[in-house]
N, C-alpha and C. Protein backbone atom coordinates (compact mmCIF):
# COMPACT_ATOMS: atom_id res chain seq x y z
N MET A 1 -44.67 -44.51 -35.03
CA MET A 1 -44.33 -43.71 -33.87
C MET A 1 -43.11 -42.83 -34.13
N LYS A 2 -42.13 -43.36 -34.85
CA LYS A 2 -40.93 -42.60 -35.11
C LYS A 2 -41.20 -41.33 -35.91
N PRO A 3 -42.03 -41.35 -36.99
CA PRO A 3 -42.28 -40.11 -37.72
C PRO A 3 -42.88 -39.02 -36.81
N TYR A 4 -43.76 -39.40 -35.91
CA TYR A 4 -44.37 -38.43 -35.00
C TYR A 4 -43.31 -37.79 -34.12
N PHE A 5 -42.38 -38.59 -33.61
CA PHE A 5 -41.30 -38.09 -32.76
C PHE A 5 -40.44 -37.08 -33.52
N PHE A 6 -40.07 -37.40 -34.77
CA PHE A 6 -39.24 -36.51 -35.55
C PHE A 6 -39.96 -35.22 -35.92
N ILE A 7 -41.26 -35.29 -36.16
CA ILE A 7 -42.04 -34.08 -36.45
C ILE A 7 -42.06 -33.19 -35.22
N CYS A 8 -42.30 -33.77 -34.06
CA CYS A 8 -42.30 -32.99 -32.82
C CYS A 8 -40.93 -32.36 -32.57
N LEU A 9 -39.88 -33.11 -32.81
CA LEU A 9 -38.52 -32.60 -32.63
C LEU A 9 -38.26 -31.45 -33.59
N LEU A 10 -38.69 -31.60 -34.83
CA LEU A 10 -38.50 -30.56 -35.83
C LEU A 10 -39.25 -29.29 -35.44
N VAL A 11 -40.49 -29.44 -35.00
CA VAL A 11 -41.29 -28.27 -34.59
C VAL A 11 -40.64 -27.60 -33.40
N PHE A 12 -40.19 -28.37 -32.42
CA PHE A 12 -39.54 -27.80 -31.25
C PHE A 12 -38.28 -27.04 -31.65
N ALA A 13 -37.47 -27.61 -32.52
CA ALA A 13 -36.23 -26.97 -32.95
C ALA A 13 -36.53 -25.69 -33.73
N ALA A 14 -37.55 -25.72 -34.57
CA ALA A 14 -37.91 -24.53 -35.34
C ALA A 14 -38.40 -23.43 -34.42
N CYS A 15 -39.19 -23.77 -33.42
CA CYS A 15 -39.68 -22.79 -32.48
C CYS A 15 -38.54 -22.21 -31.66
N LYS A 16 -37.62 -23.06 -31.26
CA LYS A 16 -36.50 -22.60 -30.45
C LYS A 16 -35.61 -21.64 -31.24
N ASN A 17 -35.38 -21.88 -32.52
CA ASN A 17 -34.54 -21.02 -33.34
C ASN A 17 -35.25 -19.75 -33.78
N ASN A 18 -36.55 -19.67 -33.60
CA ASN A 18 -37.32 -18.52 -34.07
C ASN A 18 -37.66 -17.58 -32.92
N THR A 19 -36.90 -17.60 -31.85
CA THR A 19 -37.20 -16.74 -30.73
C THR A 19 -36.84 -15.31 -31.06
N THR A 20 -37.52 -14.40 -30.40
CA THR A 20 -37.29 -12.98 -30.62
C THR A 20 -35.99 -12.57 -29.95
N SER A 21 -35.22 -11.76 -30.63
CA SER A 21 -33.95 -11.30 -30.10
C SER A 21 -34.02 -9.80 -29.89
N ASN A 22 -33.22 -9.29 -29.01
CA ASN A 22 -33.16 -7.85 -28.84
C ASN A 22 -31.92 -7.29 -29.53
N LYS A 23 -31.59 -7.86 -30.69
CA LYS A 23 -30.46 -7.38 -31.49
C LYS A 23 -30.98 -6.79 -32.79
N ASP A 24 -30.29 -5.74 -33.27
CA ASP A 24 -30.66 -5.17 -34.56
C ASP A 24 -30.02 -5.98 -35.67
N ASN A 25 -30.18 -5.52 -36.92
CA ASN A 25 -29.66 -6.27 -38.07
C ASN A 25 -28.14 -6.37 -38.08
N ALA A 26 -27.46 -5.47 -37.38
CA ALA A 26 -26.01 -5.51 -37.34
C ALA A 26 -25.50 -6.38 -36.18
N GLY A 27 -26.43 -6.95 -35.40
CA GLY A 27 -26.04 -7.79 -34.29
C GLY A 27 -25.83 -7.03 -33.00
N ASN A 28 -26.11 -5.72 -33.00
CA ASN A 28 -25.94 -4.92 -31.80
C ASN A 28 -27.14 -5.09 -30.88
N LYS A 29 -26.90 -5.13 -29.58
CA LYS A 29 -27.99 -5.27 -28.63
C LYS A 29 -28.72 -3.94 -28.48
N THR A 30 -30.05 -4.02 -28.40
CA THR A 30 -30.89 -2.86 -28.20
C THR A 30 -31.58 -3.02 -26.85
N ALA A 31 -31.54 -1.98 -26.04
CA ALA A 31 -32.19 -2.05 -24.74
C ALA A 31 -33.70 -2.19 -24.94
N THR A 32 -34.30 -3.11 -24.22
CA THR A 32 -35.74 -3.34 -24.38
C THR A 32 -36.54 -2.12 -23.94
N SER A 33 -35.97 -1.25 -23.11
CA SER A 33 -36.68 -0.05 -22.69
C SER A 33 -36.88 0.92 -23.85
N LEU A 34 -36.11 0.75 -24.94
CA LEU A 34 -36.24 1.63 -26.10
C LEU A 34 -37.29 1.14 -27.08
N VAL A 35 -37.78 -0.08 -26.87
CA VAL A 35 -38.81 -0.64 -27.73
C VAL A 35 -40.15 -0.31 -27.10
N ASN A 36 -40.96 0.47 -27.80
CA ASN A 36 -42.20 0.97 -27.23
C ASN A 36 -43.26 0.96 -28.32
N ASN A 37 -44.24 0.07 -28.24
CA ASN A 37 -45.29 -0.02 -29.24
C ASN A 37 -46.56 0.60 -28.67
N PRO A 38 -46.96 1.76 -29.16
CA PRO A 38 -48.15 2.42 -28.63
C PRO A 38 -49.46 1.87 -29.19
N LEU A 39 -49.40 0.92 -30.12
CA LEU A 39 -50.62 0.35 -30.68
C LEU A 39 -51.16 -0.73 -29.76
N THR A 40 -52.43 -0.63 -29.44
CA THR A 40 -53.07 -1.61 -28.58
C THR A 40 -54.31 -2.15 -29.27
N ALA A 41 -54.95 -3.12 -28.66
CA ALA A 41 -56.19 -3.67 -29.23
C ALA A 41 -57.30 -2.62 -29.24
N ASN A 42 -57.19 -1.63 -28.38
CA ASN A 42 -58.20 -0.58 -28.30
C ASN A 42 -57.85 0.67 -29.10
N GLY A 43 -56.79 0.64 -29.87
CA GLY A 43 -56.39 1.80 -30.66
C GLY A 43 -54.96 2.19 -30.34
N VAL A 44 -54.73 3.48 -30.17
CA VAL A 44 -53.39 3.99 -29.91
C VAL A 44 -53.31 4.50 -28.49
N ASP A 45 -52.28 4.05 -27.78
CA ASP A 45 -52.00 4.56 -26.44
C ASP A 45 -51.33 5.92 -26.62
N THR A 46 -52.05 7.00 -26.41
CA THR A 46 -51.53 8.34 -26.69
C THR A 46 -50.35 8.71 -25.79
N VAL A 47 -50.33 8.18 -24.58
CA VAL A 47 -49.20 8.46 -23.69
C VAL A 47 -47.93 7.82 -24.25
N ALA A 48 -48.02 6.54 -24.65
CA ALA A 48 -46.86 5.86 -25.23
C ALA A 48 -46.46 6.50 -26.56
N ALA A 49 -47.44 6.91 -27.37
CA ALA A 49 -47.14 7.54 -28.66
C ALA A 49 -46.41 8.85 -28.47
N ALA A 50 -46.76 9.61 -27.43
CA ALA A 50 -46.10 10.89 -27.17
C ALA A 50 -44.65 10.72 -26.75
N LEU A 51 -44.28 9.54 -26.30
CA LEU A 51 -42.91 9.28 -25.86
C LEU A 51 -42.00 8.79 -26.99
N LYS A 52 -42.54 8.51 -28.16
CA LYS A 52 -41.75 7.99 -29.27
C LYS A 52 -40.78 9.07 -29.78
N PRO A 53 -39.64 8.64 -30.31
CA PRO A 53 -38.73 9.62 -30.94
C PRO A 53 -39.35 10.14 -32.23
N ILE A 54 -38.93 11.33 -32.62
CA ILE A 54 -39.40 11.94 -33.87
C ILE A 54 -38.18 12.30 -34.70
N MET A 55 -38.15 11.82 -35.92
CA MET A 55 -37.03 12.07 -36.83
C MET A 55 -37.42 13.24 -37.73
N ALA A 56 -36.97 14.44 -37.37
CA ALA A 56 -37.31 15.66 -38.11
C ALA A 56 -36.16 16.01 -39.06
N PHE A 57 -36.42 15.86 -40.35
CA PHE A 57 -35.41 16.15 -41.38
C PHE A 57 -35.47 17.61 -41.81
N ASN A 58 -34.30 18.17 -42.17
CA ASN A 58 -34.26 19.50 -42.78
C ASN A 58 -34.92 19.44 -44.16
N ASP A 59 -34.68 18.34 -44.88
CA ASP A 59 -35.32 18.09 -46.17
C ASP A 59 -35.32 16.59 -46.41
N THR A 60 -36.30 16.11 -47.18
CA THR A 60 -36.39 14.68 -47.47
C THR A 60 -36.22 14.39 -48.95
N LEU A 61 -35.99 15.43 -49.74
CA LEU A 61 -35.78 15.27 -51.19
C LEU A 61 -34.58 16.10 -51.59
N HIS A 62 -33.66 15.48 -52.34
CA HIS A 62 -32.53 16.23 -52.90
C HIS A 62 -32.46 15.99 -54.39
N ASP A 63 -32.37 17.08 -55.14
CA ASP A 63 -32.25 17.02 -56.60
C ASP A 63 -30.79 17.30 -56.96
N PHE A 64 -30.10 16.30 -57.49
CA PHE A 64 -28.72 16.48 -57.91
C PHE A 64 -28.64 17.29 -59.20
N GLY A 65 -29.77 17.48 -59.88
CA GLY A 65 -29.78 18.21 -61.13
C GLY A 65 -29.16 17.40 -62.25
N ALA A 66 -28.51 18.09 -63.18
CA ALA A 66 -27.88 17.42 -64.32
C ALA A 66 -26.51 16.89 -63.92
N ILE A 67 -26.31 15.59 -64.11
CA ILE A 67 -25.01 14.96 -63.86
C ILE A 67 -24.67 14.07 -65.05
N HIS A 68 -23.44 13.62 -65.11
CA HIS A 68 -23.00 12.77 -66.22
C HIS A 68 -23.06 11.30 -65.83
N GLU A 69 -23.26 10.44 -66.84
CA GLU A 69 -23.24 9.01 -66.60
C GLU A 69 -21.90 8.61 -65.99
N ASN A 70 -21.93 7.66 -65.07
CA ASN A 70 -20.77 7.16 -64.32
C ASN A 70 -20.31 8.09 -63.20
N GLU A 71 -21.00 9.20 -63.00
CA GLU A 71 -20.65 10.11 -61.91
C GLU A 71 -21.23 9.56 -60.61
N ILE A 72 -20.45 9.69 -59.53
CA ILE A 72 -20.92 9.31 -58.20
C ILE A 72 -21.13 10.59 -57.40
N VAL A 73 -22.35 10.77 -56.91
CA VAL A 73 -22.68 11.98 -56.17
C VAL A 73 -23.17 11.59 -54.77
N LYS A 74 -23.01 12.52 -53.82
CA LYS A 74 -23.37 12.26 -52.43
C LYS A 74 -24.16 13.43 -51.87
N TYR A 75 -25.02 13.10 -50.91
CA TYR A 75 -25.77 14.15 -50.21
C TYR A 75 -26.00 13.70 -48.77
N ASP A 76 -25.88 14.65 -47.84
CA ASP A 76 -26.12 14.39 -46.43
C ASP A 76 -27.49 14.92 -46.04
N PHE A 77 -28.39 14.02 -45.62
CA PHE A 77 -29.70 14.40 -45.11
C PHE A 77 -29.56 14.58 -43.60
N ALA A 78 -29.66 15.82 -43.12
CA ALA A 78 -29.53 16.10 -41.70
C ALA A 78 -30.89 15.97 -41.02
N PHE A 79 -30.88 15.46 -39.79
CA PHE A 79 -32.11 15.34 -39.03
C PHE A 79 -31.84 15.61 -37.55
N THR A 80 -32.92 15.84 -36.82
CA THR A 80 -32.86 16.04 -35.37
C THR A 80 -33.89 15.13 -34.74
N ASN A 81 -33.54 14.52 -33.62
CA ASN A 81 -34.51 13.75 -32.86
C ASN A 81 -35.26 14.75 -31.97
N THR A 82 -36.45 15.14 -32.39
CA THR A 82 -37.25 16.10 -31.63
C THR A 82 -38.21 15.41 -30.67
N GLY A 83 -38.09 14.10 -30.53
CA GLY A 83 -38.94 13.35 -29.61
C GLY A 83 -38.37 13.35 -28.20
N LYS A 84 -38.95 12.50 -27.36
CA LYS A 84 -38.59 12.47 -25.94
C LYS A 84 -37.77 11.25 -25.54
N THR A 85 -37.51 10.34 -26.49
CA THR A 85 -36.73 9.14 -26.20
C THR A 85 -35.68 8.95 -27.30
N PRO A 86 -34.66 8.13 -27.05
CA PRO A 86 -33.61 7.90 -28.06
C PRO A 86 -34.17 7.32 -29.36
N LEU A 87 -33.64 7.81 -30.46
CA LEU A 87 -34.01 7.36 -31.81
C LEU A 87 -33.05 6.27 -32.23
N ILE A 88 -33.59 5.14 -32.67
CA ILE A 88 -32.77 4.03 -33.13
C ILE A 88 -33.10 3.73 -34.58
N ILE A 89 -32.07 3.70 -35.41
CA ILE A 89 -32.22 3.30 -36.81
C ILE A 89 -31.70 1.87 -36.90
N THR A 90 -32.56 0.94 -37.26
CA THR A 90 -32.16 -0.45 -37.32
C THR A 90 -31.69 -0.87 -38.71
N GLN A 91 -32.15 -0.13 -39.74
CA GLN A 91 -31.77 -0.48 -41.10
C GLN A 91 -32.08 0.69 -42.02
N ALA A 92 -31.29 0.83 -43.06
CA ALA A 92 -31.56 1.80 -44.12
C ALA A 92 -31.09 1.18 -45.43
N ALA A 93 -31.91 1.31 -46.47
CA ALA A 93 -31.56 0.71 -47.76
C ALA A 93 -32.14 1.53 -48.89
N GLY A 94 -31.41 1.58 -50.01
CA GLY A 94 -31.91 2.23 -51.20
C GLY A 94 -32.82 1.28 -51.97
N THR A 95 -33.64 1.86 -52.84
CA THR A 95 -34.55 1.04 -53.63
C THR A 95 -33.84 0.32 -54.77
N CYS A 96 -32.58 0.65 -55.00
CA CYS A 96 -31.76 -0.11 -55.95
C CYS A 96 -30.32 -0.06 -55.47
N GLY A 97 -29.48 -0.90 -56.04
CA GLY A 97 -28.09 -0.98 -55.62
C GLY A 97 -27.27 0.26 -55.92
N CYS A 98 -27.79 1.15 -56.75
CA CYS A 98 -27.07 2.37 -57.10
C CYS A 98 -27.18 3.44 -56.02
N THR A 99 -28.09 3.24 -55.07
CA THR A 99 -28.33 4.22 -54.01
C THR A 99 -27.99 3.57 -52.67
N VAL A 100 -26.94 4.09 -52.01
CA VAL A 100 -26.45 3.46 -50.79
C VAL A 100 -26.45 4.47 -49.64
N PRO A 101 -27.21 4.19 -48.58
CA PRO A 101 -27.21 5.08 -47.41
C PRO A 101 -26.25 4.62 -46.33
N GLU A 102 -25.72 5.57 -45.59
CA GLU A 102 -24.96 5.31 -44.36
C GLU A 102 -25.72 6.02 -43.25
N TYR A 103 -25.89 5.35 -42.11
CA TYR A 103 -26.70 5.93 -41.03
C TYR A 103 -26.03 5.71 -39.69
N PRO A 104 -26.40 6.51 -38.68
CA PRO A 104 -25.83 6.34 -37.35
C PRO A 104 -26.19 4.98 -36.77
N LYS A 105 -25.22 4.27 -36.25
CA LYS A 105 -25.46 2.95 -35.64
C LYS A 105 -25.80 3.08 -34.16
N GLU A 106 -25.44 4.19 -33.55
CA GLU A 106 -25.75 4.44 -32.15
C GLU A 106 -27.06 5.21 -32.05
N ALA A 107 -27.73 5.09 -30.91
CA ALA A 107 -28.98 5.82 -30.68
C ALA A 107 -28.72 7.32 -30.73
N VAL A 108 -29.65 8.06 -31.34
CA VAL A 108 -29.58 9.52 -31.39
C VAL A 108 -30.48 10.03 -30.26
N GLN A 109 -29.86 10.67 -29.29
CA GLN A 109 -30.57 11.12 -28.10
C GLN A 109 -31.52 12.28 -28.43
N PRO A 110 -32.56 12.47 -27.61
CA PRO A 110 -33.49 13.59 -27.84
C PRO A 110 -32.74 14.92 -27.91
N GLY A 111 -33.11 15.74 -28.90
CA GLY A 111 -32.48 17.04 -29.10
C GLY A 111 -31.18 16.99 -29.88
N LYS A 112 -30.67 15.81 -30.16
CA LYS A 112 -29.39 15.67 -30.88
C LYS A 112 -29.63 15.50 -32.38
N ASN A 113 -28.58 15.77 -33.15
CA ASN A 113 -28.65 15.70 -34.61
C ASN A 113 -27.96 14.45 -35.12
N GLY A 114 -28.32 14.08 -36.34
CA GLY A 114 -27.70 12.97 -37.03
C GLY A 114 -27.71 13.22 -38.52
N ILE A 115 -27.02 12.37 -39.25
CA ILE A 115 -26.94 12.51 -40.71
C ILE A 115 -27.12 11.14 -41.36
N ILE A 116 -27.92 11.11 -42.42
CA ILE A 116 -28.00 9.95 -43.30
C ILE A 116 -27.24 10.36 -44.56
N LYS A 117 -26.12 9.72 -44.84
CA LYS A 117 -25.31 10.01 -46.02
C LYS A 117 -25.78 9.10 -47.15
N VAL A 118 -26.18 9.70 -48.26
CA VAL A 118 -26.68 8.92 -49.40
C VAL A 118 -25.73 9.10 -50.58
N THR A 119 -25.27 7.98 -51.12
CA THR A 119 -24.40 7.98 -52.29
C THR A 119 -25.17 7.39 -53.46
N PHE A 120 -25.15 8.10 -54.59
CA PHE A 120 -25.82 7.65 -55.80
C PHE A 120 -24.78 7.45 -56.89
N ASN A 121 -24.74 6.25 -57.48
CA ASN A 121 -23.81 5.92 -58.56
C ASN A 121 -24.61 5.85 -59.86
N SER A 122 -24.31 6.75 -60.78
CA SER A 122 -25.09 6.85 -62.02
C SER A 122 -24.59 5.93 -63.13
N ALA A 123 -23.67 5.02 -62.83
CA ALA A 123 -23.15 4.10 -63.84
C ALA A 123 -24.29 3.29 -64.46
N GLY A 124 -24.33 3.28 -65.78
CA GLY A 124 -25.34 2.51 -66.50
C GLY A 124 -26.72 3.14 -66.51
N LYS A 125 -26.83 4.37 -66.04
CA LYS A 125 -28.12 5.05 -65.99
C LYS A 125 -28.11 6.24 -66.95
N THR A 126 -29.27 6.51 -67.55
CA THR A 126 -29.43 7.71 -68.38
C THR A 126 -30.83 8.27 -68.14
N GLY A 127 -30.97 9.54 -68.47
CA GLY A 127 -32.28 10.18 -68.34
C GLY A 127 -32.62 10.53 -66.89
N HIS A 128 -33.89 10.78 -66.65
CA HIS A 128 -34.36 11.17 -65.31
C HIS A 128 -34.40 9.96 -64.38
N GLN A 129 -33.88 10.12 -63.20
CA GLN A 129 -33.84 9.05 -62.20
C GLN A 129 -34.46 9.53 -60.89
N ASP A 130 -35.36 8.76 -60.34
CA ASP A 130 -35.95 8.99 -59.01
C ASP A 130 -35.63 7.77 -58.16
N LYS A 131 -35.01 7.97 -57.01
CA LYS A 131 -34.65 6.87 -56.11
C LYS A 131 -35.11 7.21 -54.71
N ALA A 132 -35.30 6.17 -53.90
CA ALA A 132 -35.74 6.35 -52.52
C ALA A 132 -34.83 5.59 -51.57
N VAL A 133 -34.79 6.05 -50.33
CA VAL A 133 -34.10 5.37 -49.25
C VAL A 133 -35.14 5.09 -48.17
N ILE A 134 -35.21 3.84 -47.75
CA ILE A 134 -36.17 3.42 -46.73
C ILE A 134 -35.41 3.24 -45.42
N ILE A 135 -35.86 3.95 -44.38
CA ILE A 135 -35.19 3.92 -43.08
C ILE A 135 -36.12 3.28 -42.06
N HIS A 136 -35.67 2.20 -41.43
CA HIS A 136 -36.45 1.52 -40.39
C HIS A 136 -36.02 2.08 -39.03
N THR A 137 -36.99 2.62 -38.29
CA THR A 137 -36.69 3.29 -37.02
C THR A 137 -37.68 2.87 -35.93
N ASN A 138 -37.47 3.39 -34.75
CA ASN A 138 -38.42 3.19 -33.66
C ASN A 138 -39.34 4.40 -33.48
N THR A 139 -39.53 5.18 -34.56
CA THR A 139 -40.50 6.28 -34.54
C THR A 139 -41.91 5.71 -34.60
N LEU A 140 -42.90 6.56 -34.43
CA LEU A 140 -44.28 6.09 -34.46
C LEU A 140 -44.63 5.48 -35.82
N LYS A 141 -44.14 6.09 -36.90
CA LYS A 141 -44.40 5.55 -38.23
C LYS A 141 -43.62 4.26 -38.47
N GLY A 142 -42.45 4.12 -37.88
CA GLY A 142 -41.64 2.93 -38.04
C GLY A 142 -40.75 2.95 -39.27
N ILE A 143 -41.20 3.64 -40.31
CA ILE A 143 -40.42 3.76 -41.55
C ILE A 143 -40.41 5.23 -41.96
N GLU A 144 -39.23 5.73 -42.24
CA GLU A 144 -39.05 7.09 -42.75
C GLU A 144 -38.51 6.97 -44.17
N MET A 145 -38.81 7.93 -45.02
CA MET A 145 -38.40 7.88 -46.42
C MET A 145 -37.61 9.13 -46.80
N LEU A 146 -36.58 8.91 -47.62
CA LEU A 146 -35.80 9.98 -48.23
C LEU A 146 -35.80 9.76 -49.74
N TYR A 147 -35.68 10.85 -50.50
CA TYR A 147 -35.75 10.75 -51.96
C TYR A 147 -34.63 11.56 -52.60
N ILE A 148 -34.10 11.01 -53.69
CA ILE A 148 -33.13 11.73 -54.51
C ILE A 148 -33.58 11.64 -55.96
N LYS A 149 -33.15 12.62 -56.75
CA LYS A 149 -33.41 12.56 -58.18
C LYS A 149 -32.25 13.22 -58.92
N ALA A 150 -32.13 12.84 -60.17
CA ALA A 150 -31.07 13.38 -61.01
C ALA A 150 -31.45 13.20 -62.47
N ASP A 151 -30.88 14.05 -63.32
CA ASP A 151 -31.02 13.93 -64.77
C ASP A 151 -29.64 13.60 -65.31
N ILE A 152 -29.52 12.41 -65.89
CA ILE A 152 -28.21 11.90 -66.29
C ILE A 152 -28.04 11.99 -67.79
N ALA A 153 -26.97 12.69 -68.20
CA ALA A 153 -26.62 12.81 -69.63
C ALA A 153 -25.43 11.91 -69.91
N LYS A 154 -25.36 11.38 -71.13
CA LYS A 154 -24.21 10.53 -71.52
C LYS A 154 -22.97 11.35 -71.72
């Protein structure tokens, strides 16, 4: 009888700790009104999809050209929220530790601009390099991508 009790207690505790939170990865609270999933069992709710924010970038690829090994270069990817609701970025990460993005932590209101600052550290790298930044958002796609490239000489 005791093992059954402990298993039930363990399952209950695991379920209780696995509840959904309305906090982003930084621990900031997100208003539930900003969470809008237009996908339904019957397809896409076109009304809900039309209300999603849109992250419109001026460009999604930047070529640093020829740089030297150990050089640190930066580029600002400018964007506008052309959608009808606030844009929230919950996370942004480079595909390797040499590529580090900085992103707005506050919601970007419709019609407003924002910047994703990307820093690339060429230490220990040579030759042609292609890197990506993955941005998790509340847009219809859910993930936006940015790309950088460089040719590194010793």
